[in-house]
C-alpha cells in the first residue's frame, strides 16, 4: 500500500552529475595527427600523434569512427559538445591508437584546467573592524574554546562566560529557549488577551517528568518559552568535552589497568 513505484525508480537511477562540455577538433596530415580539446571555460590543449596514417578504403565509415572514438569521454569529467574533423582526407586510425590518443589528451586537459584555476581570495577585514553589539556574553553564546574567545575579544567583547559544557553554571539556568509555547498551546497567552501591552506578563509554569521538575518561564515580547533546569550531579562528574580523558574510549582505558597475576 505504501509502495511508490516512481519514487523507487528515481532512487535506483543515477543522480544528476556535473560534467564539463568540451569542443574537440582533429587536424593534421598523414604523418601526424593534431588533437585540440577546448573546455567550456576556454582552457585549451593540443596533443600530437606521429605515425603513418593512410587513407581509408571506406571514407564515410572512417570519418564516423573518428568522430565516435573521439567523443567517447564517458569515464572522464567531460562530454563532447562538438567534434570537428579537419583532415586532408578520411584517414584510417586504429581504434587502440585513437583511444590512447584521446585519453592522453583528456589527462592533459585535466592538468591544464587545474593549473589555470584561480582560487578565490578572502575579502580584506573591514577598517575599522566591526564591533560586536554586546560587550558581555553569557553561557548562552556557547563560547567553549580559546579560539572562540579570541574571536569575540578581537571584536570588542570584554566579558565572556564559559559555555554550559564547561560545568561552571551549577544553578538553575535556561537549558532550552523555544518558540513553541505551552501557554499559547493552552490558550493562556497574554498577547491573545485584550488589554494594554503592559499586561503582557505570564506567570511561570512547571513541567513534570517523573521525579524531574523543570520550570517554564515566558518572555512574551520576543515570544519565547524558557525551560529552566539545573545540571545533574552525574554530568558534573564526567570529563569535560574535548579533554584528554573524554577522548579515550573505555576499551583503551581497560588496556591501561595492570594485569592480574595468576
C-alpha atoms as a PDB file:
ATOM      1  CA  UNK A   1       0.000   0.000   0.000  1.00  0.00           C
ATOM      2  CA  UNK A   2       2.875   2.354   0.792  1.00  0.00           C
ATOM      3  CA  UNK A   3       4.975   1.337  -2.224  1.00  0.00           C
ATOM      4  CA  UNK A   4       5.651   4.265  -4.556  1.00  0.00           C
ATOM      5  CA  UNK A   5       6.977   2.782  -7.787  1.00  0.00           C
ATOM      6  CA  UNK A   6       8.053   6.119  -9.280  1.00  0.00           C
ATOM      7  CA  UNK A   7       9.944   7.018  -6.103  1.00  0.00           C
ATOM      8  CA  UNK A   8      11.717   3.663  -6.031  1.00  0.00           C
ATOM      9  CA  UNK A   9      12.692   4.053  -9.686  1.00  0.00           C
ATOM     10  CA  UNK A  10      14.072   7.526  -9.027  1.00  0.00           C
ATOM     11  CA  UNK A  11      16.252   6.168  -6.219  1.00  0.00           C
ATOM     12  CA  UNK A  12      17.753   3.452  -8.405  1.00  0.00           C
ATOM     13  CA  UNK A  13      18.679   5.822 -11.243  1.00  0.00           C
ATOM     14  CA  UNK A  14      21.917   7.788 -11.368  1.00  0.00           C
ATOM     15  CA  UNK A  15      21.556  11.174  -9.717  1.00  0.00           C
ATOM     16  CA  UNK A  16      22.373  14.393 -11.518  1.00  0.00           C
ATOM     17  CA  UNK A  17      26.033  14.848 -12.335  1.00  0.00           C
ATOM     18  CA  UNK A  18      28.117  17.841 -13.334  1.00  0.00           C
ATOM     19  CA  UNK A  19      30.168  17.339 -16.485  1.00  0.00           C
ATOM     20  CA  UNK A  20      32.230  19.857 -18.432  1.00  0.00           C
ATOM     21  CA  UNK A  21      31.486  20.500 -22.099  1.00  0.00           C
ATOM     22  CA  UNK A  22      34.444  20.050 -24.457  1.00  0.00           C
ATOM     23  CA  UNK A  23      34.887  21.028 -28.098  1.00  0.00           C
ATOM     24  CA  UNK A  24      37.073  18.547 -29.992  1.00  0.00           C
ATOM     25  CA  UNK A  25      38.992  19.239 -33.174  1.00  0.00           C
ATOM     26  CA  UNK A  26      41.144  16.713 -35.015  1.00  0.00           C
ATOM     27  CA  UNK A  27      43.510  18.016 -37.662  1.00  0.00           C
ATOM     28  CA  UNK A  28      46.878  17.181 -39.179  1.00  0.00           C
ATOM     29  CA  UNK A  29      48.029  15.091 -42.101  1.00  0.00           C
ATOM     30  CA  UNK A  30      49.099  11.534 -42.893  1.00  0.00           C
ATOM     31  CA  UNK A  31      52.345  11.751 -40.857  1.00  0.00           C
ATOM     32  CA  UNK A  32      50.902  13.483 -37.787  1.00  0.00           C
ATOM     33  CA  UNK A  33      47.523  13.940 -36.100  1.00  0.00           C
ATOM     34  CA  UNK A  34      46.804  17.066 -34.055  1.00  0.00           C
ATOM     35  CA  UNK A  35      44.050  16.858 -31.423  1.00  0.00           C
ATOM     36  CA  UNK A  36      42.769  20.017 -29.738  1.00  0.00           C
ATOM     37  CA  UNK A  37      40.425  19.968 -26.734  1.00  0.00           C
ATOM     38  CA  UNK A  38      38.800  23.182 -25.511  1.00  0.00           C
ATOM     39  CA  UNK A  39      36.729  23.186 -22.329  1.00  0.00           C
ATOM     40  CA  UNK A  40      33.684  25.354 -21.745  1.00  0.00           C
ATOM     41  CA  UNK A  41      35.817  27.687 -19.567  1.00  0.00           C
ATOM     42  CA  UNK A  42      38.098  28.368 -22.534  1.00  0.00           C
ATOM     43  CA  UNK A  43      41.033  26.200 -21.427  1.00  0.00           C
ATOM     44  CA  UNK A  44      42.619  24.544 -24.455  1.00  0.00           C
ATOM     45  CA  UNK A  45      45.311  21.907 -25.023  1.00  0.00           C
ATOM     46  CA  UNK A  46      46.874  20.426 -28.141  1.00  0.00           C
ATOM     47  CA  UNK A  47      48.217  16.882 -28.398  1.00  0.00           C
ATOM     48  CA  UNK A  48      50.018  15.284 -31.344  1.00  0.00           C
ATOM     49  CA  UNK A  49      50.376  11.711 -32.557  1.00  0.00           C
ATOM     50  CA  UNK A  50      53.080  10.811 -35.055  1.00  0.00           C
ATOM     51  CA  UNK A  51      52.728   7.885 -37.437  1.00  0.00           C
ATOM     52  CA  UNK A  52      51.812   6.829 -40.925  1.00  0.00           C
ATOM     53  CA  UNK A  53      48.060   7.094 -41.416  1.00  0.00           C
ATOM     54  CA  UNK A  54      46.861   6.046 -44.834  1.00  0.00           C
ATOM     55  CA  UNK A  55      43.560   6.957 -46.409  1.00  0.00           C
ATOM     56  CA  UNK A  56      40.759   4.546 -45.568  1.00  0.00           C
ATOM     57  CA  UNK A  57      39.046   2.419 -48.180  1.00  0.00           C
ATOM     58  CA  UNK A  58      35.629   3.387 -46.822  1.00  0.00           C
ATOM     59  CA  UNK A  59      35.799   7.156 -46.261  1.00  0.00           C
ATOM     60  CA  UNK A  60      32.351   7.554 -44.668  1.00  0.00           C
ATOM     61  CA  UNK A  61      32.907   4.729 -42.188  1.00  0.00           C
ATOM     62  CA  UNK A  62      36.366   6.030 -41.289  1.00  0.00           C
ATOM     63  CA  UNK A  63      35.039   9.544 -40.571  1.00  0.00           C
ATOM     64  CA  UNK A  64      32.246   8.161 -38.400  1.00  0.00           C
ATOM     65  CA  UNK A  65      34.735   6.000 -36.486  1.00  0.00           C
ATOM     66  CA  UNK A  66      36.945   9.027 -35.836  1.00  0.00           C
ATOM     67  CA  UNK A  67      34.031  11.123 -34.557  1.00  0.00           C
ATOM     68  CA  UNK A  68      32.616   8.348 -32.398  1.00  0.00           C
ATOM     69  CA  UNK A  69      36.029   7.422 -30.998  1.00  0.00           C
ATOM     70  CA  UNK A  70      36.904  10.992 -30.042  1.00  0.00           C
ATOM     71  CA  UNK A  71      33.502  11.560 -28.426  1.00  0.00           C
ATOM     72  CA  UNK A  72      33.865   8.600 -26.034  1.00  0.00           C
ATOM     73  CA  UNK A  73      34.539  10.552 -22.837  1.00  0.00           C
ATOM     74  CA  UNK A  74      32.306   8.525 -20.526  1.00  0.00           C
ATOM     75  CA  UNK A  75      34.930   7.781 -17.849  1.00  0.00           C
ATOM     76  CA  UNK A  76      36.102  11.396 -17.634  1.00  0.00           C
ATOM     77  CA  UNK A  77      34.667  14.664 -16.336  1.00  0.00           C
ATOM     78  CA  UNK A  78      33.829  15.771 -19.865  1.00  0.00           C
ATOM     79  CA  UNK A  79      31.271  15.304 -22.598  1.00  0.00           C
ATOM     80  CA  UNK A  80      31.756  16.116 -26.267  1.00  0.00           C
ATOM     81  CA  UNK A  81      29.782  19.222 -27.157  1.00  0.00           C
ATOM     82  CA  UNK A  82      31.165  19.428 -30.692  1.00  0.00           C
ATOM     83  CA  UNK A  83      33.500  17.228 -32.752  1.00  0.00           C
ATOM     84  CA  UNK A  84      35.209  18.610 -35.861  1.00  0.00           C
ATOM     85  CA  UNK A  85      37.401  16.576 -38.240  1.00  0.00           C
ATOM     86  CA  UNK A  86      39.706  18.765 -40.337  1.00  0.00           C
ATOM     87  CA  UNK A  87      41.899  16.289 -42.200  1.00  0.00           C
ATOM     88  CA  UNK A  88      43.008  16.291 -45.846  1.00  0.00           C
ATOM     89  CA  UNK A  89      41.116  13.028 -46.243  1.00  0.00           C
ATOM     90  CA  UNK A  90      39.455  10.183 -44.372  1.00  0.00           C
ATOM     91  CA  UNK A  91      42.479   8.651 -42.661  1.00  0.00           C
ATOM     92  CA  UNK A  92      42.449   5.222 -41.079  1.00  0.00           C
ATOM     93  CA  UNK A  93      43.448   5.324 -37.391  1.00  0.00           C
ATOM     94  CA  UNK A  94      43.369   2.066 -35.395  1.00  0.00           C
ATOM     95  CA  UNK A  95      40.905   2.202 -32.501  1.00  0.00           C
ATOM     96  CA  UNK A  96      43.595   1.345 -29.952  1.00  0.00           C
ATOM     97  CA  UNK A  97      45.737   4.308 -31.044  1.00  0.00           C
ATOM     98  CA  UNK A  98      42.743   6.645 -31.204  1.00  0.00           C
ATOM     99  CA  UNK A  99      41.562   5.680 -27.712  1.00  0.00           C
ATOM    100  CA  UNK A 100      45.020   6.164 -26.214  1.00  0.00           C
ATOM    101  CA  UNK A 101      45.355   9.474 -28.055  1.00  0.00           C
ATOM    102  CA  UNK A 102      42.030  10.676 -26.646  1.00  0.00           C
ATOM    103  CA  UNK A 103      42.798   9.543 -23.068  1.00  0.00           C
ATOM    104  CA  UNK A 104      46.163  11.295 -23.065  1.00  0.00           C
ATOM    105  CA  UNK A 105      44.543  14.491 -24.339  1.00  0.00           C
ATOM    106  CA  UNK A 106      41.867  14.321 -21.617  1.00  0.00           C
ATOM    107  CA  UNK A 107      44.579  13.935 -18.959  1.00  0.00           C
ATOM    108  CA  UNK A 108      46.385  16.941 -20.401  1.00  0.00           C
ATOM    109  CA  UNK A 109      43.161  18.957 -20.222  1.00  0.00           C
ATOM    110  CA  UNK A 110      42.744  17.955 -16.569  1.00  0.00           C
ATOM    111  CA  UNK A 111      46.213  19.289 -15.785  1.00  0.00           C
ATOM    112  CA  UNK A 112      45.674  22.482 -17.782  1.00  0.00           C
ATOM    113  CA  UNK A 113      42.362  23.268 -16.075  1.00  0.00           C
ATOM    114  CA  UNK A 114      43.891  22.651 -12.658  1.00  0.00           C
ATOM    115  CA  UNK A 115      46.851  24.917 -13.464  1.00  0.00           C
ATOM    116  CA  UNK A 116      44.575  27.721 -14.683  1.00  0.00           C
ATOM    117  CA  UNK A 117      42.195  27.547 -11.723  1.00  0.00           C
ATOM    118  CA  UNK A 118      42.222  30.699  -9.618  1.00  0.00           C
ATOM    119  CA  UNK A 119      41.184  30.181  -6.035  1.00  0.00           C
ATOM    120  CA  UNK A 120      39.005  32.931  -4.655  1.00  0.00           C
ATOM    121  CA  UNK A 121      40.700  35.157  -2.106  1.00  0.00           C
ATOM    122  CA  UNK A 122      39.243  36.225   1.208  1.00  0.00           C
ATOM    123  CA  UNK A 123      37.823  39.690   1.468  1.00  0.00           C
ATOM    124  CA  UNK A 124      40.014  42.068   3.477  1.00  0.00           C
ATOM    125  CA  UNK A 125      38.955  42.795   7.041  1.00  0.00           C
ATOM    126  CA  UNK A 126      36.916  45.959   7.275  1.00  0.00           C
ATOM    127  CA  UNK A 127      38.749  49.039   8.523  1.00  0.00           C
ATOM    128  CA  UNK A 128      37.780  49.983  11.131  1.00  0.00           C
ATOM    129  CA  UNK A 129      36.969  46.486  12.334  1.00  0.00           C
ATOM    130  CA  UNK A 130      33.295  45.814  13.161  1.00  0.00           C
ATOM    131  CA  UNK A 131      32.290  45.899  16.822  1.00  0.00           C
ATOM    132  CA  UNK A 132      30.193  43.107  18.310  1.00  0.00           C
ATOM    133  CA  UNK A 133      26.872  44.523  19.580  1.00  0.00           C
ATOM    134  CA  UNK A 134      27.356  43.064  23.077  1.00  0.00           C
ATOM    135  CA  UNK A 135      30.269  43.521  25.483  1.00  0.00           C
ATOM    136  CA  UNK A 136      29.202  40.663  27.785  1.00  0.00           C
ATOM    137  CA  UNK A 137      28.326  37.186  26.554  1.00  0.00           C
ATOM    138  CA  UNK A 138      26.542  34.746  28.819  1.00  0.00           C
ATOM    139  CA  UNK A 139      26.932  30.980  28.669  1.00  0.00           C
ATOM    140  CA  UNK A 140      24.185  31.018  26.032  1.00  0.00           C
ATOM    141  CA  UNK A 141      26.762  32.204  23.474  1.00  0.00           C
ATOM    142  CA  UNK A 142      28.353  28.746  23.817  1.00  0.00           C
ATOM    143  CA  UNK A 143      31.954  30.019  23.830  1.00  0.00           C
ATOM    144  CA  UNK A 144      33.983  26.987  24.871  1.00  0.00           C
ATOM    145  CA  UNK A 145      37.469  27.006  23.340  1.00  0.00           C
ATOM    146  CA  UNK A 146      40.241  29.587  23.268  1.00  0.00           C
ATOM    147  CA  UNK A 147      39.905  30.299  19.556  1.00  0.00           C
ATOM    148  CA  UNK A 148      36.293  31.358  20.041  1.00  0.00           C
ATOM    149  CA  UNK A 149      37.268  33.607  22.951  1.00  0.00           C
ATOM    150  CA  UNK A 150      39.988  35.258  20.880  1.00  0.00           C
ATOM    151  CA  UNK A 151      37.491  35.922  18.092  1.00  0.00           C
ATOM    152  CA  UNK A 152      34.986  37.697  20.340  1.00  0.00           C
ATOM    153  CA  UNK A 153      37.705  39.643  22.186  1.00  0.00           C
ATOM    154  CA  UNK A 154      39.042  40.822  18.820  1.00  0.00           C
ATOM    155  CA  UNK A 155      35.694  42.442  18.051  1.00  0.00           C
ATOM    156  CA  UNK A 156      35.063  44.225  21.313  1.00  0.00           C
ATOM    157  CA  UNK A 157      33.571  41.681  23.719  1.00  0.00           C
ATOM    158  CA  UNK A 158      35.055  42.258  27.181  1.00  0.00           C
ATOM    159  CA  UNK A 159      33.485  39.613  29.413  1.00  0.00           C
ATOM    160  CA  UNK A 160      32.747  36.066  28.254  1.00  0.00           C
ATOM    161  CA  UNK A 161      31.098  33.445  30.439  1.00  0.00           C
ATOM    162  CA  UNK A 162      32.103  29.836  29.929  1.00  0.00           C
ATOM    163  CA  UNK A 163      29.862  27.613  27.836  1.00  0.00           C
ATOM    164  CA  UNK A 164      27.411  25.317  29.607  1.00  0.00           C
ATOM    165  CA  UNK A 165      29.625  22.314  28.731  1.00  0.00           C
ATOM    166  CA  UNK A 166      32.354  23.793  30.961  1.00  0.00           C
ATOM    167  CA  UNK A 167      30.257  22.791  34.026  1.00  0.00           C
ATOM    168  CA  UNK A 168      30.523  26.252  35.607  1.00  0.00           C
ATOM    169  CA  UNK A 169      26.780  27.011  35.580  1.00  0.00           C
ATOM    170  CA  UNK A 170      25.662  24.862  38.523  1.00  0.00           C
ATOM    171  CA  UNK A 171      22.476  26.714  39.377  1.00  0.00           C
ATOM    172  CA  UNK A 172      19.150  26.860  37.561  1.00  0.00           C
ATOM    173  CA  UNK A 173      19.560  28.357  34.113  1.00  0.00           C
ATOM    174  CA  UNK A 174      17.709  28.207  30.774  1.00  0.00           C
ATOM    175  CA  UNK A 175      18.607  24.869  29.211  1.00  0.00           C
ATOM    176  CA  UNK A 176      16.289  25.426  26.250  1.00  0.00           C
ATOM    177  CA  UNK A 177      14.751  28.508  24.628  1.00  0.00           C
ATOM    178  CA  UNK A 178      11.989  27.736  22.179  1.00  0.00           C
ATOM    179  CA  UNK A 179       9.353  29.497  20.128  1.00  0.00           C
ATOM    180  CA  UNK A 180       6.967  26.679  20.971  1.00  0.00           C
ATOM    181  CA  UNK A 181       4.947  27.991  23.900  1.00  0.00           C
ATOM    182  CA  UNK A 182       2.743  25.850  26.111  1.00  0.00           C
ATOM    183  CA  UNK A 183       0.753  28.883  27.239  1.00  0.00           C
ATOM    184  CA  UNK A 184      -0.130  29.584  23.624  1.00  0.00           C
ATOM    185  CA  UNK A 185      -0.991  25.913  23.090  1.00  0.00           C
ATOM    186  CA  UNK A 186      -3.308  26.008  26.134  1.00  0.00           C
ATOM    187  CA  UNK A 187      -4.914  29.319  25.034  1.00  0.00           C
ATOM    188  CA  UNK A 188      -3.321  31.085  28.015  1.00  0.00           C
ATOM    189  CA  UNK A 189      -1.188  33.544  26.042  1.00  0.00           C
ATOM    190  CA  UNK A 190      -1.341  37.112  27.464  1.00  0.00           C
ATOM    191  CA  UNK A 191      -0.825  38.513  23.971  1.00  0.00           C
ATOM    192  CA  UNK A 192      -4.105  36.996  22.891  1.00  0.00           C
ATOM    193  CA  UNK A 193      -5.958  38.663  25.741  1.00  0.00           C
ATOM    194  CA  UNK A 194      -7.296  42.167  25.230  1.00  0.00           C
ATOM    195  CA  UNK A 195      -5.694  44.953  27.172  1.00  0.00           C
ATOM    196  CA  UNK A 196      -2.602  47.108  27.462  1.00  0.00           C
ATOM    197  CA  UNK A 197       0.822  45.903  26.385  1.00  0.00           C
ATOM    198  CA  UNK A 198       1.957  46.371  29.995  1.00  0.00           C
ATOM    199  CA  UNK A 199      -0.216  43.428  30.953  1.00  0.00           C
ATOM    200  CA  UNK A 200       1.974  41.064  28.872  1.00  0.00           C
ATOM    201  CA  UNK A 201       3.307  39.184  31.839  1.00  0.00           C
ATOM    202  CA  UNK A 202       2.891  35.450  32.267  1.00  0.00           C
ATOM    203  CA  UNK A 203       3.479  33.576  35.498  1.00  0.00           C
ATOM    204  CA  UNK A 204       5.820  30.558  35.340  1.00  0.00           C
ATOM    205  CA  UNK A 205       4.610  27.004  34.909  1.00  0.00           C
ATOM    206  CA  UNK A 206       6.163  23.648  35.770  1.00  0.00           C
ATOM    207  CA  UNK A 207       6.914  20.700  33.513  1.00  0.00           C
ATOM    208  CA  UNK A 208       6.945  17.436  35.475  1.00  0.00           C
ATOM    209  CA  UNK A 209       8.543  14.279  34.094  1.00  0.00           C
ATOM    210  CA  UNK A 210       8.728  11.590  36.757  1.00  0.00           C
ATOM    211  CA  UNK A 211      10.962  12.887  39.544  1.00  0.00           C
ATOM    212  CA  UNK A 212      12.272  15.720  37.404  1.00  0.00           C
ATOM    213  CA  UNK A 213      10.639  19.141  37.607  1.00  0.00           C
ATOM    214  CA  UNK A 214      11.508  21.887  35.132  1.00  0.00           C
ATOM    215  CA  UNK A 215      10.343  25.477  35.448  1.00  0.00           C
ATOM    216  CA  UNK A 216       8.870  27.183  32.399  1.00  0.00           C
ATOM    217  CA  UNK A 217       9.319  30.938  32.182  1.00  0.00           C
ATOM    218  CA  UNK A 218       7.784  33.045  29.441  1.00  0.00           C
ATOM    219  CA  UNK A 219       9.307  36.074  27.739  1.00  0.00           C
ATOM    220  CA  UNK A 220       6.330  37.446  25.873  1.00  0.00           C
ATOM    221  CA  UNK A 221       7.937  40.330  23.999  1.00  0.00           C
ATOM    222  CA  UNK A 222      10.161  38.105  21.785  1.00  0.00           C
ATOM    223  CA  UNK A 223       7.553  35.341  22.166  1.00  0.00           C
ATOM    224  CA  UNK A 224       9.856  32.752  23.771  1.00  0.00           C
ATOM    225  CA  UNK A 225       9.474  29.985  26.326  1.00  0.00           C
ATOM    226  CA  UNK A 226      12.486  29.294  28.568  1.00  0.00           C
ATOM    227  CA  UNK A 227      12.916  25.836  30.065  1.00  0.00           C
ATOM    228  CA  UNK A 228      14.810  26.293  33.334  1.00  0.00           C
ATOM    229  CA  UNK A 229      16.825  23.431  34.756  1.00  0.00           C
ATOM    230  CA  UNK A 230      19.887  22.535  36.781  1.00  0.00           C
ATOM    231  CA  UNK A 231      22.838  20.488  35.640  1.00  0.00           C
ATOM    232  CA  UNK A 232      22.739  16.986  37.088  1.00  0.00           C
ATOM    233  CA  UNK A 233      25.362  15.742  39.507  1.00  0.00           C
ATOM    234  CA  UNK A 234      26.432  12.793  37.368  1.00  0.00           C
ATOM    235  CA  UNK A 235      27.108  15.207  34.492  1.00  0.00           C
ATOM    236  CA  UNK A 236      29.412  17.255  36.729  1.00  0.00           C
ATOM    237  CA  UNK A 237      31.445  14.122  37.433  1.00  0.00           C
ATOM    238  CA  UNK A 238      32.008  13.433  33.737  1.00  0.00           C
ATOM    239  CA  UNK A 239      35.163  14.712  31.972  1.00  0.00           C
ATOM    240  CA  UNK A 240      34.841  17.950  30.055  1.00  0.00           C
ATOM    241  CA  UNK A 241      34.228  17.673  26.310  1.00  0.00           C
ATOM    242  CA  UNK A 242      37.484  17.884  24.382  1.00  0.00           C
ATOM    243  CA  UNK A 243      39.660  16.885  27.323  1.00  0.00           C
ATOM    244  CA  UNK A 244      42.184  14.074  27.036  1.00  0.00           C
ATOM    245  CA  UNK A 245      40.141  11.837  29.320  1.00  0.00           C
ATOM    246  CA  UNK A 246      36.981  12.399  27.289  1.00  0.00           C
ATOM    247  CA  UNK A 247      38.748  11.352  24.098  1.00  0.00           C
ATOM    248  CA  UNK A 248      39.840   7.968  25.486  1.00  0.00           C
ATOM    249  CA  UNK A 249      37.444   5.087  24.877  1.00  0.00           C
ATOM    250  CA  UNK A 250      36.516   2.642  27.669  1.00  0.00           C
ATOM    251  CA  UNK A 251      38.375  -0.139  25.843  1.00  0.00           C
ATOM    252  CA  UNK A 252      41.541   1.946  25.785  1.00  0.00           C
ATOM    253  CA  UNK A 253      41.187   2.674  29.498  1.00  0.00           C
ATOM    254  CA  UNK A 254      40.890  -1.042  30.252  1.00  0.00           C
ATOM    255  CA  UNK A 255      44.195  -1.639  28.494  1.00  0.00           C
ATOM    256  CA  UNK A 256      45.930   0.673  30.979  1.00  0.00           C
ATOM    257  CA  UNK A 257      44.858  -1.387  34.001  1.00  0.00           C
ATOM    258  CA  UNK A 258      47.565  -3.671  35.456  1.00  0.00           C
ATOM    259  CA  UNK A 259      47.069  -7.305  34.606  1.00  0.00           C
ATOM    260  CA  UNK A 260      46.187  -9.650  37.443  1.00  0.00           C
ATOM    261  CA  UNK A 261      48.771 -12.227  38.311  1.00  0.00           C
ATOM    262  CA  UNK A 262      47.786 -15.842  38.285  1.00  0.00           C
END
